[in-house]
Amino acid sequence: MKRRDFVGLAGLATGAIFLPSFPGFGGTLVDPERLLETVDPALKKRLADAALNAAKSAGASYADVRIGRYLNQSIFTREKQVQNIASGESFGAGVRVLANGTWGFAATNTVTEAGLAKAAQLAVQIAKANSKVQKEQVKLAPVKGHGEVAWKTPIQQNAFEVPIAQKVELLLAANAKALDNGANFVNSALFQINEQKYFASTDGSYIDQDVHRIWPTFDVTAIDRASGKFRTRQALSAPMGMGYEYMNPKADGKIAGPAGTGLIGYKNSYDILEDATLAAKQAKEKITAKSVVPGKYDLVLDPNHLGLTIHESVGHPTELDRVLGYEANYAGTSFATLDWKAKKQPYGSKLVNIVADKLQPGSLGAVGYDDEGVKTKQWDLIKDGVLVDYQKIRDQAAMVGQNESDGCCYADSWDSVQFQRMPNVSLQPGKAKLSVDEMIKNVDKGIYIAGRGSFSIDQQRYNSQFGGTVFYAINKGKIDGMLEDVAYQTNTLEFWNSCAAICDESDYRLFGSFFDGKGQPSQVSAVSHGSSTTRFNGVNVINTARKIG
């Protein structure tokens, strides 16, 4: 692959917090027709029973098995060419057991009764060996067996059933729109995932789930050859827990941005042709946009931007394993310790109500049950500005004096052990009717930011810096032209305590991370963050183009 192609493809992953492999997601490359095949649930139950019975016979006090078929397809284009098409499949089973109060895990791609029984026996052997050095036994929050149940993402059109030629044609049409409107380069991609997961446990659950996700995205670059300047504008799409229906634009799925920007926000459908057209025009405009003057500004943040800030400054700091120091990979632990929480200091202003859930329709995190058989739910993380709870799973609940898992356990593959992963974490919309234009009318000196950008955050999830995709000056209640070189620096408590207004539910949209990284060995998960456009007062803005000396 040429360096220019690599840079272009890598740019598409800016919205992916971590992307461990590119351009395929993993698994064995297969004929696309295989992506439409399924496995009989009755067969999966027989295989699961073989594993559970073998684990109990070997001395396990608890066991669960996940039989997973992980399917993916990625399509990449550049200008008028198709760069790559990859369809992948990974199929196998993972068995997790408790023996002598200690976890053991083993996985196999020999998906037969004998193969799963052998993996279960190995998992018990590993648990017993681990128990010799474990000081405290694992305590599991109780879970009632659900019997035989099923859940499926409520899609209208399976993306894998859409001919590849049709999907390629759409991406190339988007590229053409960008080129026709002044872009010099454009890369586009379509990611599609289907997780066919079967979970069974000695608690009496047999759970068959069919999970779908999709993410269309692009990067558009415009060049001023006279000056040598170039600017890029990313897609304003969001990865979604939907089928191909997301690619069919609907009028009620569009939300107009502030007057004077031409921006369109997308809710439950996406118009890639419209977005690519505007992206090219805005990429050209960014070249001559005024460079921001550093200082304090009131920020009006679009949901497609604010989602990343929520992810980094609320989502990760409230993961209980980070809080307790068990997880430090990918930007450390958390300032929001149990001692800090006990002081009931304000995490944010009283307007800040942030919930966790695995339920929102269309969200990346939506499933019926997590990867240890817990029925999913919604719960409060921050209530009226105060931190009230964390994210926790079955073996963590007792650590904070609780007896219920939050249902946010996940493994990214059959051969990965499941552990606590971020659910959807969302800022609740304002209760009073408020549009974006009405919000901006009350801003004297501010900046409107849309889209995701580069970011950094420290090892306690406290001090941070965030960029964006497009920026507009707000002067005396009106949009006053495009800005460039904008980033805001803050700390988590200052930022959320500066929250001054939140638009109502009609403006609510989802941002998403398709490849959120955590753990060692690393795993990825998909998670959404909902919000309405939100105002933050007096935030420090820097000029990213300034040079020392």
Protein backbone atom coordinates (compact mmCIF):
# COMPACT_ATOMS: atom_id res chain seq x y z
CA MET A 1 0.00 0.00 0.00
CA LYS A 2 1.31 3.44 -0.92
CA ARG A 3 1.97 5.90 1.89
CA ARG A 4 -0.62 8.33 0.54
CA ASP A 5 -3.24 5.56 0.54
CA PHE A 6 -2.30 4.53 4.06
CA VAL A 7 -2.58 8.10 5.36
CA GLY A 8 -5.96 8.47 3.69
CA LEU A 9 -7.31 5.23 5.08
CA ALA A 10 -5.91 5.92 8.53
CA GLY A 11 -7.65 9.29 8.50
CA LEU A 12 -10.98 7.55 8.14
CA ALA A 13 -10.40 5.96 11.52
CA THR A 14 -10.14 9.25 13.41
CA GLY A 15 -13.59 8.64 14.85
CA ALA A 16 -12.51 5.16 15.92
CA ILE A 17 -10.86 5.59 19.29
CA PHE A 18 -8.64 2.60 18.61
CA LEU A 19 -8.48 0.47 15.47
CA PRO A 20 -6.16 -2.51 15.98
CA SER A 21 -6.31 -3.94 12.46
CA PHE A 22 -6.93 -2.33 9.09
CA PRO A 23 -8.57 -2.73 6.63
CA GLY A 24 -10.12 -6.01 7.77
CA PHE A 25 -11.60 -6.40 11.25
CA GLY A 26 -10.12 -9.84 11.81
CA GLY A 27 -11.20 -13.41 11.10
CA THR A 28 -10.75 -15.40 7.93
CA LEU A 29 -11.50 -13.77 4.58
CA VAL A 30 -14.54 -15.47 3.08
CA ASP A 31 -16.92 -15.28 0.15
CA PRO A 32 -19.54 -12.58 0.92
CA GLU A 33 -22.29 -15.18 0.53
CA ARG A 34 -21.09 -16.85 3.75
CA LEU A 35 -22.08 -13.73 5.67
CA LEU A 36 -25.74 -14.65 5.15
CA GLU A 37 -25.45 -18.09 6.73
CA THR A 38 -26.65 -18.85 10.27
CA VAL A 39 -26.16 -21.61 12.82
CA ASP A 40 -29.13 -23.57 14.19
CA PRO A 41 -29.82 -22.53 17.83
CA ALA A 42 -30.63 -26.15 18.70
CA LEU A 43 -27.14 -27.16 17.62
CA LYS A 44 -25.62 -24.34 19.65
CA LYS A 45 -27.56 -25.50 22.72
CA ARG A 46 -26.21 -29.04 22.37
CA LEU A 47 -22.68 -27.70 22.03
CA ALA A 48 -23.15 -25.41 25.03
CA ASP A 49 -24.48 -28.22 27.20
CA ALA A 50 -21.44 -30.31 26.34
CA ALA A 51 -19.19 -27.52 27.66
CA LEU A 52 -21.26 -26.83 30.78
CA ASN A 53 -21.52 -30.51 31.73
CA ALA A 54 -17.80 -31.04 31.22
CA ALA A 55 -16.99 -28.01 33.37
CA LYS A 56 -19.21 -29.16 36.23
CA SER A 57 -17.81 -32.69 36.05
CA ALA A 58 -14.28 -31.26 36.27
CA GLY A 59 -15.13 -29.35 39.46
CA ALA A 60 -16.43 -25.93 38.36
CA SER A 61 -18.91 -24.25 40.69
CA TYR A 62 -20.03 -21.98 37.83
CA ALA A 63 -19.51 -22.02 34.07
CA ASP A 64 -20.59 -20.08 31.03
CA VAL A 65 -19.94 -20.61 27.35
CA ARG A 66 -20.13 -18.17 24.44
CA ILE A 67 -20.43 -19.61 20.95
CA GLY A 68 -19.71 -16.73 18.60
CA ARG A 69 -19.81 -16.16 14.88
CA TYR A 70 -18.37 -12.73 14.14
CA LEU A 71 -18.95 -11.42 10.62
CA ASN A 72 -17.67 -8.23 9.04
CA GLN A 73 -17.34 -6.50 5.72
CA SER A 74 -15.37 -3.37 4.87
CA ILE A 75 -15.35 -1.44 1.61
CA PHE A 76 -12.77 1.27 0.87
CA THR A 77 -12.70 3.70 -2.04
CA ARG A 78 -10.55 6.63 -3.15
CA GLU A 79 -11.80 9.18 -5.67
CA LYS A 80 -12.91 7.00 -8.63
CA GLN A 81 -11.30 3.74 -7.53
CA VAL A 82 -12.17 0.88 -5.23
CA GLN A 83 -9.21 0.28 -2.93
CA ASN A 84 -10.29 -2.77 -1.03
CA ILE A 85 -13.24 -5.01 -0.23
CA ALA A 86 -12.90 -7.53 2.59
CA SER A 87 -15.45 -9.92 4.07
CA GLY A 88 -14.42 -11.77 7.22
CA GLU A 89 -15.70 -14.52 9.48
CA SER A 90 -14.49 -15.78 12.85
CA PHE A 91 -16.22 -18.76 14.50
CA GLY A 92 -15.47 -20.48 17.78
CA ALA A 93 -16.32 -20.78 21.45
CA GLY A 94 -14.98 -19.50 24.76
CA VAL A 95 -15.59 -21.20 28.11
CA ARG A 96 -15.27 -19.35 31.42
CA VAL A 97 -15.44 -21.16 34.76
CA LEU A 98 -15.15 -20.62 38.48
CA ALA A 99 -13.27 -23.31 40.38
CA ASN A 100 -11.95 -22.88 43.91
CA GLY A 101 -13.31 -19.33 43.74
CA THR A 102 -11.03 -18.41 40.83
CA TRP A 103 -11.61 -17.67 37.16
CA GLY A 104 -10.34 -19.89 34.36
CA PHE A 105 -10.87 -19.42 30.63
CA ALA A 106 -10.16 -21.40 27.48
CA ALA A 107 -11.28 -21.05 23.88
CA THR A 108 -11.42 -23.26 20.80
CA ASN A 109 -12.27 -23.08 17.14
CA THR A 110 -13.06 -26.80 17.14
CA VAL A 111 -16.78 -26.25 17.41
CA THR A 112 -17.89 -29.78 18.24
CA GLU A 113 -19.19 -31.32 21.44
CA ALA A 114 -15.80 -32.92 22.04
CA GLY A 115 -13.98 -29.69 21.23
CA LEU A 116 -16.05 -27.61 23.66
CA ALA A 117 -15.83 -30.25 26.39
CA LYS A 118 -12.03 -30.24 26.06
CA ALA A 119 -11.94 -26.43 26.31
CA ALA A 120 -14.14 -26.55 29.43
CA GLN A 121 -11.83 -29.07 31.09
CA LEU A 122 -8.83 -26.89 30.28
CA ALA A 123 -10.58 -23.82 31.71
CA VAL A 124 -11.15 -25.68 35.00
CA GLN A 125 -7.51 -26.75 35.10
CA ILE A 126 -6.43 -23.15 34.62
CA ALA A 127 -8.81 -21.93 37.34
CA LYS A 128 -7.50 -24.47 39.85
CA ALA A 129 -3.93 -23.53 39.05
CA ASN A 130 -4.75 -19.83 39.42
CA SER A 131 -6.44 -20.46 42.78
CA LYS A 132 -3.12 -21.34 44.37
CA VAL A 133 -2.01 -17.73 44.13
CA GLN A 134 -5.36 -15.90 44.40
CA LYS A 135 -5.81 -14.31 47.83
CA GLU A 136 -9.55 -13.62 47.73
CA GLN A 137 -12.30 -15.62 46.09
CA VAL A 138 -14.44 -14.15 43.32
CA LYS A 139 -17.91 -13.08 44.46
CA LEU A 140 -20.53 -13.07 41.73
CA ALA A 141 -23.66 -10.94 41.91
CA PRO A 142 -26.64 -13.27 41.54
CA VAL A 143 -28.36 -13.63 38.18
CA LYS A 144 -31.59 -15.51 37.61
CA GLY A 145 -31.50 -17.93 34.68
CA HIS A 146 -33.53 -16.69 31.71
CA GLY A 147 -34.17 -20.04 30.04
CA GLU A 148 -34.16 -20.07 26.23
CA VAL A 149 -34.49 -16.48 24.96
CA ALA A 150 -33.45 -14.53 21.88
CA TRP A 151 -32.77 -10.89 20.96
CA LYS A 152 -32.03 -9.23 17.63
CA THR A 153 -31.11 -5.72 16.59
CA PRO A 154 -34.38 -4.39 15.12
CA ILE A 155 -33.00 -3.78 11.63
CA GLN A 156 -35.08 -3.16 8.53
CA GLN A 157 -32.46 -4.27 6.00
CA ASN A 158 -29.48 -6.54 6.58
CA ALA A 159 -26.44 -4.72 5.17
CA PHE A 160 -24.92 -8.04 4.08
CA GLU A 161 -27.93 -8.70 1.86
CA VAL A 162 -27.29 -5.51 -0.13
CA PRO A 163 -25.16 -6.27 -3.22
CA ILE A 164 -21.56 -5.11 -2.88
CA ALA A 165 -21.86 -3.35 -6.23
CA GLN A 166 -24.68 -1.19 -4.86
CA LYS A 167 -22.65 -0.20 -1.82
CA VAL A 168 -19.59 0.56 -3.93
CA GLU A 169 -21.72 2.65 -6.28
CA LEU A 170 -22.96 4.74 -3.34
CA LEU A 171 -19.45 5.39 -2.00
CA LEU A 172 -18.15 6.33 -5.45
CA ALA A 173 -21.16 8.63 -5.94
CA ALA A 174 -20.27 10.36 -2.67
CA ASN A 175 -16.68 10.72 -3.86
CA ALA A 176 -17.94 12.24 -7.12
CA LYS A 177 -20.07 14.76 -5.23
CA ALA A 178 -17.02 15.83 -3.23
CA LEU A 179 -14.81 16.12 -6.33
CA ASP A 180 -17.48 18.04 -8.25
CA ASN A 181 -17.67 20.56 -5.41
CA GLY A 182 -13.99 21.36 -5.16
CA ALA A 183 -12.32 18.51 -3.29
CA ASN A 184 -8.90 17.37 -4.50
CA PHE A 185 -8.89 14.06 -2.67
CA VAL A 186 -11.54 11.93 -1.02
CA ASN A 187 -11.48 8.57 0.75
CA SER A 188 -14.68 6.81 1.79
CA ALA A 189 -15.47 3.59 3.60
CA LEU A 190 -18.35 1.45 4.79
CA PHE A 191 -17.92 -0.82 7.82
CA GLN A 192 -20.51 -3.50 8.57
CA ILE A 193 -20.59 -5.94 11.48
CA ASN A 194 -22.85 -8.81 12.53
CA GLU A 195 -22.22 -10.63 15.83
CA GLN A 196 -24.12 -13.91 16.13
CA LYS A 197 -23.64 -14.75 19.80
CA TYR A 198 -24.97 -17.65 21.84
CA PHE A 199 -24.53 -17.56 25.62
CA ALA A 200 -25.29 -20.37 28.05
CA SER A 201 -24.51 -20.74 31.74
CA THR A 202 -25.01 -23.04 34.69
CA ASP A 203 -27.44 -20.38 36.00
CA GLY A 204 -29.91 -21.73 33.44
CA SER A 205 -29.65 -19.21 30.59
CA TYR A 206 -29.57 -20.01 26.87
CA ILE A 207 -29.43 -16.68 25.05
CA ASP A 208 -29.25 -16.34 21.27
CA GLN A 209 -28.46 -12.83 20.00
CA ASP A 210 -28.03 -11.33 16.53
CA VAL A 211 -26.33 -7.91 16.70
CA HIS A 212 -25.85 -5.55 13.72
CA ARG A 213 -23.79 -2.37 13.34
CA ILE A 214 -22.88 -0.08 10.45
CA TRP A 215 -20.60 2.92 9.88
CA PRO A 216 -20.26 4.95 6.67
CA THR A 217 -17.52 7.56 6.73
CA PHE A 218 -15.22 9.64 4.55
CA ASP A 219 -12.43 12.23 4.54
CA VAL A 220 -12.49 15.09 2.03
CA THR A 221 -9.35 17.17 1.37
CA ALA A 222 -9.10 20.48 -0.46
CA ILE A 223 -5.77 22.01 -1.50
CA ASP A 224 -4.76 25.58 -2.33
CA ARG A 225 -1.83 24.92 -4.62
CA ALA A 226 -0.70 28.56 -4.62
CA SER A 227 -0.13 28.65 -0.88
CA GLY A 228 0.43 24.94 -0.32
CA LYS A 229 -2.30 24.89 2.32
CA PHE A 230 -4.72 22.00 2.61
CA ARG A 231 -7.64 21.24 4.89
CA THR A 232 -9.72 18.14 5.56
CA ARG A 233 -13.34 17.74 6.55
CA GLN A 234 -14.57 14.42 7.93
CA ALA A 235 -18.01 12.92 7.52
CA LEU A 236 -20.64 13.96 10.06
CA SER A 237 -22.11 10.48 10.14
CA ALA A 238 -22.25 8.37 13.28
CA PRO A 239 -21.70 4.62 13.53
CA MET A 240 -25.02 3.06 14.47
CA GLY A 241 -26.59 -0.14 15.72
CA MET A 242 -28.73 -0.37 12.62
CA GLY A 243 -28.95 -2.12 9.26
CA TYR A 244 -28.57 -0.69 5.79
CA GLU A 245 -31.69 1.41 6.33
CA TYR A 246 -29.32 3.96 7.90
CA MET A 247 -27.99 4.63 4.39
CA ASN A 248 -31.42 5.60 3.07
CA PRO A 249 -31.82 9.31 3.92
CA LYS A 250 -35.12 10.47 5.38
CA ALA A 251 -36.28 14.04 5.91
CA ASP A 252 -37.23 13.37 9.54
CA GLY A 253 -33.72 12.06 10.18
CA LYS A 254 -32.14 15.45 9.45
CA ILE A 255 -31.67 18.32 11.90
CA ALA A 256 -30.64 21.72 10.61
CA GLY A 257 -27.53 23.22 12.18
CA PRO A 258 -27.27 26.86 13.24
CA ALA A 259 -28.34 29.49 10.74
CA GLY A 260 -25.33 30.62 8.74
CA THR A 261 -23.47 27.29 8.79
CA GLY A 262 -25.36 25.14 6.29
CA LEU A 263 -24.69 22.16 8.53
CA ILE A 264 -27.04 19.19 8.76
CA GLY A 265 -27.15 16.82 11.72
CA TYR A 266 -28.18 13.23 11.12
CA LYS A 267 -30.34 11.21 13.47
CA ASN A 268 -31.60 7.77 12.37
CA SER A 269 -30.62 7.99 8.71
CA TYR A 270 -27.66 9.42 6.81
CA ASP A 271 -27.40 11.26 3.50
CA ILE A 272 -23.82 10.59 2.44
CA LEU A 273 -24.23 12.42 -0.89
CA GLU A 274 -25.47 15.57 0.82
CA ASP A 275 -22.75 15.42 3.46
CA ALA A 276 -19.98 14.84 0.91
CA THR A 277 -21.16 17.82 -1.12
CA LEU A 278 -21.10 20.13 1.90
CA ALA A 279 -17.82 18.64 3.13
CA ALA A 280 -16.02 19.63 -0.05
CA LYS A 281 -17.30 23.19 0.15
CA GLN A 282 -16.36 23.46 3.82
CA ALA A 283 -12.91 21.97 3.26
CA LYS A 284 -12.23 24.75 0.74
CA GLU A 285 -13.64 27.36 3.11
CA LYS A 286 -11.43 26.11 5.94
CA ILE A 287 -8.31 27.05 3.93
CA THR A 288 -9.12 30.76 4.11
CA ALA A 289 -10.96 30.73 7.44
CA LYS A 290 -9.79 33.14 10.12
CA SER A 291 -7.39 31.65 12.67
CA VAL A 292 -8.88 31.77 16.15
CA VAL A 293 -7.68 34.30 18.71
CA PRO A 294 -6.87 32.39 21.93
CA GLY A 295 -8.91 33.19 25.00
CA LYS A 296 -12.06 32.37 26.94
CA TYR A 297 -15.14 31.56 24.89
CA ASP A 298 -18.61 30.18 25.43
CA LEU A 299 -18.69 26.93 23.46
CA VAL A 300 -21.79 25.58 21.72
CA LEU A 301 -21.05 21.92 21.04
CA ASP A 302 -22.85 19.78 18.49
CA PRO A 303 -23.71 16.17 19.55
CA ASN A 304 -21.36 14.71 16.92
CA HIS A 305 -18.56 16.60 18.68
CA LEU A 306 -19.65 16.41 22.32
CA GLY A 307 -19.91 12.62 22.19
CA LEU A 308 -16.14 12.20 22.18
CA THR A 309 -15.77 14.52 25.18
CA ILE A 310 -18.43 12.51 27.02
CA HIS A 311 -16.61 9.31 26.10
CA GLU A 312 -13.24 10.42 27.44
CA SER A 313 -14.22 12.58 30.43
CA VAL A 314 -17.23 10.63 31.75
CA GLY A 315 -17.37 7.23 30.07
CA HIS A 316 -13.89 5.99 30.91
CA PRO A 317 -13.54 7.66 34.34
CA THR A 318 -16.68 5.87 35.61
CA GLU A 319 -15.55 2.37 34.63
CA LEU A 320 -15.22 0.69 38.02
CA ASP A 321 -12.10 -1.29 37.11
CA ARG A 322 -10.30 1.99 36.31
CA VAL A 323 -11.62 3.55 39.50
CA LEU A 324 -10.27 0.65 41.59
CA GLY A 325 -6.95 0.54 39.73
CA TYR A 326 -7.46 -2.85 38.05
CA GLU A 327 -7.38 -1.28 34.58
CA ALA A 328 -4.85 1.30 33.46
CA ASN A 329 -4.40 0.53 29.77
CA TYR A 330 -5.28 3.29 27.29
CA ALA A 331 -4.94 6.50 29.30
CA GLY A 332 -4.74 5.28 32.83
CA THR A 333 -7.09 4.99 35.79
CA SER A 334 -9.58 7.59 37.10
CA PHE A 335 -9.67 10.66 39.30
CA ALA A 336 -13.26 9.73 40.30
CA THR A 337 -12.25 7.32 43.05
CA LEU A 338 -14.55 5.93 45.73
CA ASP A 339 -13.14 8.47 48.20
CA TRP A 340 -13.74 11.31 45.74
CA LYS A 341 -17.31 10.14 45.11
CA ALA A 342 -18.02 9.96 48.86
CA LYS A 343 -17.31 13.70 49.18
CA LYS A 344 -20.24 14.38 46.80
CA GLN A 345 -18.37 17.14 45.06
CA PRO A 346 -20.09 18.38 41.91
CA TYR A 347 -18.94 16.58 38.77
CA GLY A 348 -20.90 19.15 36.77
CA SER A 349 -23.56 21.81 37.02
CA LYS A 350 -27.06 20.86 38.11
CA LEU A 351 -28.06 20.63 34.44
CA VAL A 352 -25.76 17.64 33.95
CA ASN A 353 -27.63 14.34 34.06
CA ILE A 354 -25.72 11.48 32.48
CA VAL A 355 -27.11 7.98 32.16
CA ALA A 356 -25.60 4.66 31.14
CA ASP A 357 -27.62 2.15 29.17
CA LYS A 358 -27.51 -0.82 26.81
CA LEU A 359 -31.03 -0.20 25.51
CA GLN A 360 -31.26 2.85 23.21
CA PRO A 361 -32.67 1.84 19.80
CA GLY A 362 -30.12 2.46 17.08
CA SER A 363 -27.22 2.71 19.51
CA LEU A 364 -24.03 0.70 19.18
CA GLY A 365 -24.32 -0.65 22.71
CA ALA A 366 -27.87 -1.95 22.44
CA VAL A 367 -28.24 -5.66 23.22
CA GLY A 368 -30.79 -7.68 25.14
CA TYR A 369 -28.27 -9.37 27.45
CA ASP A 370 -24.59 -8.82 28.14
CA ASP A 371 -21.82 -11.40 27.75
CA GLU A 372 -22.41 -12.96 31.15
CA GLY A 373 -26.17 -13.35 30.75
CA VAL A 374 -27.35 -10.22 32.56
CA LYS A 375 -30.43 -8.51 31.14
CA THR A 376 -29.50 -4.99 30.10
CA LYS A 377 -30.89 -1.78 31.62
CA GLN A 378 -30.43 1.98 32.09
CA TRP A 379 -29.01 3.58 35.24
CA ASP A 380 -27.78 6.96 36.45
CA LEU A 381 -24.09 7.84 36.53
CA ILE A 382 -24.40 11.58 37.24
CA LYS A 383 -27.61 13.01 38.70
CA ASP A 384 -28.09 16.79 38.98
CA GLY A 385 -24.34 17.21 38.59
CA VAL A 386 -23.32 14.66 41.25
CA LEU A 387 -21.63 11.32 40.57
CA VAL A 388 -23.97 8.63 41.93
CA ASP A 389 -22.76 5.36 40.41
CA TYR A 390 -20.24 3.54 38.23
CA GLN A 391 -20.24 0.87 35.52
CA LYS A 392 -19.85 -2.63 36.96
CA ILE A 393 -20.31 -6.32 36.20
CA ARG A 394 -21.04 -9.46 38.25
CA ASP A 395 -17.65 -9.88 39.91
CA GLN A 396 -17.35 -6.15 40.70
CA ALA A 397 -20.70 -5.37 42.35
CA ALA A 398 -19.68 -6.68 45.77
CA MET A 399 -16.56 -4.48 45.71
CA VAL A 400 -18.80 -1.41 46.09
CA GLY A 401 -21.38 -2.99 48.39
CA GLN A 402 -23.92 -3.73 45.66
CA ASN A 403 -25.55 -7.00 44.66
CA GLU A 404 -26.50 -6.38 41.04
CA SER A 405 -24.51 -6.23 37.82
CA ASP A 406 -25.20 -3.34 35.44
CA GLY A 407 -25.14 -5.68 32.46
CA CYS A 408 -22.10 -4.15 30.75
CA CYS A 409 -19.82 -7.16 30.33
CA TYR A 410 -18.49 -7.78 26.83
CA ALA A 411 -15.86 -9.68 24.85
CA ASP A 412 -14.95 -8.70 21.32
CA SER A 413 -14.54 -12.30 20.14
CA TRP A 414 -15.19 -15.87 21.13
CA ASP A 415 -11.50 -16.24 22.04
CA SER A 416 -11.43 -13.15 24.28
CA VAL A 417 -12.43 -13.30 27.92
CA GLN A 418 -15.35 -11.02 28.74
CA PHE A 419 -14.79 -8.07 31.08
CA GLN A 420 -16.32 -4.70 32.00
CA ARG A 421 -16.85 -2.49 28.95
CA MET A 422 -18.41 0.92 28.59
CA PRO A 423 -22.15 0.96 27.90
CA ASN A 424 -23.79 3.84 26.07
CA VAL A 425 -23.10 6.94 28.19
CA SER A 426 -25.33 9.89 27.33
CA LEU A 427 -26.10 13.42 28.45
CA GLN A 428 -29.83 13.83 28.95
CA PRO A 429 -31.47 16.60 26.88
CA GLY A 430 -32.78 19.78 28.45
CA LYS A 431 -36.35 19.74 29.75
CA ALA A 432 -37.27 23.22 28.51
CA LYS A 433 -37.88 23.81 24.81
CA LEU A 434 -34.66 25.22 23.32
CA SER A 435 -33.33 25.15 19.75
CA VAL A 436 -29.73 25.65 18.65
CA ASP A 437 -30.49 29.07 17.16
CA GLU A 438 -32.18 30.14 20.40
CA MET A 439 -29.15 28.97 22.36
CA ILE A 440 -26.77 30.92 20.13
CA LYS A 441 -28.84 34.12 20.49
CA ASN A 442 -27.74 34.27 24.13
CA VAL A 443 -24.01 33.90 23.36
CA ASP A 444 -22.05 37.16 23.11
CA LYS A 445 -18.60 35.74 22.33
CA GLY A 446 -18.42 32.09 21.47
CA ILE A 447 -17.54 29.27 19.10
CA TYR A 448 -19.80 26.60 17.60
CA ILE A 449 -18.01 23.26 17.10
CA ALA A 450 -19.29 20.31 15.06
CA GLY A 451 -17.68 16.95 14.37
CA ARG A 452 -14.93 15.02 16.06
CA GLY A 453 -11.24 15.90 16.05
CA SER A 454 -7.96 15.07 17.72
CA PHE A 455 -7.83 14.90 21.51
CA SER A 456 -5.59 14.11 24.43
CA ILE A 457 -6.31 13.33 28.07
CA ASP A 458 -4.11 12.55 31.04
CA GLN A 459 -3.66 9.35 33.02
CA GLN A 460 -6.40 10.25 35.49
CA ARG A 461 -8.98 11.26 32.86
CA TYR A 462 -8.81 14.80 34.18
CA ASN A 463 -6.79 17.33 32.13
CA SER A 464 -7.72 17.26 28.47
CA GLN A 465 -7.70 18.97 25.08
CA PHE A 466 -10.24 18.52 22.27
CA GLY A 467 -10.35 19.69 18.68
CA GLY A 468 -13.17 19.33 16.17
CA THR A 469 -14.06 19.20 12.48
CA VAL A 470 -15.61 22.60 11.73
CA PHE A 471 -15.71 25.76 13.83
CA TYR A 472 -17.80 28.92 13.58
CA ALA A 473 -17.40 32.19 15.45
CA ILE A 474 -20.42 33.42 17.43
CA ASN A 475 -20.55 37.20 17.77
CA LYS A 476 -23.37 38.90 19.67
CA GLY A 477 -25.82 36.05 19.18
CA LYS A 478 -25.09 35.25 15.53
CA ILE A 479 -22.80 32.98 13.52
CA ASP A 480 -20.00 35.20 12.22
CA GLY A 481 -17.92 33.14 9.82
CA MET A 482 -15.76 30.03 9.94
CA LEU A 483 -12.73 29.68 12.23
CA GLU A 484 -9.71 27.42 12.11
CA ASP A 485 -6.97 26.15 14.46
CA VAL A 486 -9.40 25.72 17.38
CA ALA A 487 -8.95 23.44 20.38
CA TYR A 488 -10.17 23.81 23.93
CA GLN A 489 -8.17 22.92 27.01
CA THR A 490 -9.89 22.14 30.28
CA ASN A 491 -10.18 19.68 33.10
CA THR A 492 -13.14 17.37 33.57
CA LEU A 493 -14.68 19.17 36.56
CA GLU A 494 -14.22 22.68 35.18
CA PHE A 495 -15.73 21.64 31.87
CA TRP A 496 -18.87 19.92 33.17
CA ASN A 497 -19.45 22.59 35.83
CA SER A 498 -19.44 25.20 33.05
CA CYS A 499 -22.46 23.55 31.41
CA ALA A 500 -25.00 26.38 31.11
CA ALA A 501 -27.71 25.20 28.69
CA ILE A 502 -28.83 22.04 26.86
CA CYS A 503 -31.13 21.93 23.84
CA ASP A 504 -34.31 19.90 24.11
CA GLU A 505 -35.01 16.34 23.03
CA SER A 506 -35.79 17.29 19.42
CA ASP A 507 -32.05 17.95 18.92
CA TYR A 508 -30.89 14.70 20.57
CA ARG A 509 -28.51 12.55 18.47
CA LEU A 510 -25.99 9.76 18.88
CA PHE A 511 -22.23 9.93 18.45
CA GLY A 512 -20.38 6.63 18.31
CA SER A 513 -17.06 4.88 18.67
CA PHE A 514 -16.93 1.79 16.46
CA PHE A 515 -13.57 0.59 17.81
CA ASP A 516 -13.11 1.62 21.44
CA GLY A 517 -9.99 0.06 22.89
CA LYS A 518 -9.40 -1.28 26.38
CA GLY A 519 -7.53 -4.03 28.18
CA GLN A 520 -4.35 -5.99 27.78
CA PRO A 521 -4.42 -7.97 25.54
CA SER A 522 -6.37 -5.25 23.77
CA GLN A 523 -10.04 -5.66 22.93
CA VAL A 524 -12.38 -3.31 21.06
CA SER A 525 -16.05 -2.57 21.59
CA ALA A 526 -18.67 -0.29 20.05
CA VAL A 527 -20.42 2.36 22.11
CA SER A 528 -22.73 5.33 21.50
CA HIS A 529 -23.02 8.65 23.31
CA GLY A 530 -26.20 10.66 22.99
CA SER A 531 -26.68 14.36 23.63
CA SER A 532 -28.37 17.48 22.40
CA THR A 533 -26.38 20.58 21.47
CA THR A 534 -24.95 21.98 24.71
CA ARG A 535 -23.43 25.27 25.83
CA PHE A 536 -20.39 25.56 28.09
CA ASN A 537 -19.38 28.99 29.39
CA GLY A 538 -15.91 30.48 29.72
CA VAL A 539 -13.83 27.62 28.31
CA ASN A 540 -10.16 28.18 27.47
CA VAL A 541 -9.51 28.02 23.71
CA ILE A 542 -6.03 27.77 22.23
CA ASN A 543 -4.73 28.35 18.70
CA THR A 544 -3.25 25.08 17.47
CA ALA A 545 -1.28 26.84 14.70
CA ARG A 546 0.72 29.09 17.00
CA LYS A 547 4.46 28.54 17.14
CA ILE A 548 6.86 29.20 19.98
CA GLY A 549 9.34 32.00 19.34
